[in-house]
Amino acid sequence: MPRDLAILACTECKRRNYTTTRNKKTQTERVELMKFCPFERKRTLHRETK
């Protein structure tokens, strides 16, 4: 199964807020999404962590 679980962390507060899935074959680099951070109370960039 090529889908993989990706944990997203906020770039400003460094907390892990979201999980999503990604296709390992089509997305080889790390996922970056604009998501709402409840600790910062604004939309920030979230990156995939290990």
C-alpha atoms as a PDB file:
ATOM      1  CA  MET A   1       0.000   0.000   0.000  1.00  0.00           C
ATOM      2  CA  PRO A   2       1.717   3.224  -1.119  1.00  0.00           C
ATOM      3  CA  ARG A   3      -0.107   5.666   1.221  1.00  0.00           C
ATOM      4  CA  ASP A   4       1.825   6.760   4.267  1.00  0.00           C
ATOM      5  CA  LEU A   5       0.819   8.597   7.447  1.00  0.00           C
ATOM      6  CA  ALA A   6       2.295  12.111   7.680  1.00  0.00           C
ATOM      7  CA  ILE A   7       2.440  14.084  10.941  1.00  0.00           C
ATOM      8  CA  LEU A   8       2.309  17.863  10.463  1.00  0.00           C
ATOM      9  CA  ALA A   9       4.061  20.261  12.859  1.00  0.00           C
ATOM     10  CA  CYS A  10       3.670  24.032  13.053  1.00  0.00           C
ATOM     11  CA  THR A  11       6.754  25.956  11.904  1.00  0.00           C
ATOM     12  CA  GLU A  12       6.251  28.700  14.499  1.00  0.00           C
ATOM     13  CA  CYS A  13       5.400  26.870  17.739  1.00  0.00           C
ATOM     14  CA  LYS A  14       6.871  23.455  16.684  1.00  0.00           C
ATOM     15  CA  ARG A  15       3.881  21.521  18.009  1.00  0.00           C
ATOM     16  CA  ARG A  16       2.466  18.525  16.161  1.00  0.00           C
ATOM     17  CA  ASN A  17      -1.155  19.418  15.462  1.00  0.00           C
ATOM     18  CA  TYR A  18      -2.362  17.425  12.454  1.00  0.00           C
ATOM     19  CA  THR A  19      -2.044  14.065  10.723  1.00  0.00           C
ATOM     20  CA  THR A  20      -2.747  13.354   7.075  1.00  0.00           C
ATOM     21  CA  THR A  21      -1.867  10.748   4.471  1.00  0.00           C
ATOM     22  CA  ARG A  22       0.346  11.097   1.428  1.00  0.00           C
ATOM     23  CA  ASN A  23       1.197   8.955  -1.559  1.00  0.00           C
ATOM     24  CA  LYS A  24       4.873   7.944  -1.289  1.00  0.00           C
ATOM     25  CA  LYS A  25       5.222   7.300  -5.009  1.00  0.00           C
ATOM     26  CA  THR A  26       3.924  10.647  -6.265  1.00  0.00           C
ATOM     27  CA  GLN A  27       5.009  12.915  -3.378  1.00  0.00           C
ATOM     28  CA  THR A  28       8.645  12.164  -2.664  1.00  0.00           C
ATOM     29  CA  GLU A  29       9.374  15.411  -0.775  1.00  0.00           C
ATOM     30  CA  ARG A  30       7.874  16.454   2.560  1.00  0.00           C
ATOM     31  CA  VAL A  31       4.325  17.801   2.702  1.00  0.00           C
ATOM     32  CA  GLU A  32       3.816  21.510   3.475  1.00  0.00           C
ATOM     33  CA  LEU A  33       0.307  22.855   4.108  1.00  0.00           C
ATOM     34  CA  MET A  34      -1.209  26.057   5.469  1.00  0.00           C
ATOM     35  CA  LYS A  35      -3.285  24.964   8.477  1.00  0.00           C
ATOM     36  CA  PHE A  36      -4.830  26.663  11.508  1.00  0.00           C
ATOM     37  CA  CYS A  37      -2.656  26.414  14.626  1.00  0.00           C
ATOM     38  CA  PRO A  38      -4.853  26.490  17.761  1.00  0.00           C
ATOM     39  CA  PHE A  39      -1.895  27.519  19.956  1.00  0.00           C
ATOM     40  CA  GLU A  40      -0.897  30.467  17.751  1.00  0.00           C
ATOM     41  CA  ARG A  41      -4.573  31.186  16.905  1.00  0.00           C
ATOM     42  CA  LYS A  42      -3.789  31.858  13.235  1.00  0.00           C
ATOM     43  CA  ARG A  43      -3.034  30.058   9.975  1.00  0.00           C
ATOM     44  CA  THR A  44       0.608  28.992   9.779  1.00  0.00           C
ATOM     45  CA  LEU A  45       2.735  26.744   7.618  1.00  0.00           C
ATOM     46  CA  HIS A  46       2.781  23.128   8.803  1.00  0.00           C
ATOM     47  CA  ARG A  47       5.501  20.730   7.610  1.00  0.00           C
ATOM     48  CA  GLU A  48       5.745  16.979   7.736  1.00  0.00           C
ATOM     49  CA  THR A  49       7.928  15.601  10.548  1.00  0.00           C
ATOM     50  CA  LYS A  50       9.493  12.199  11.074  1.00  0.00           C
END
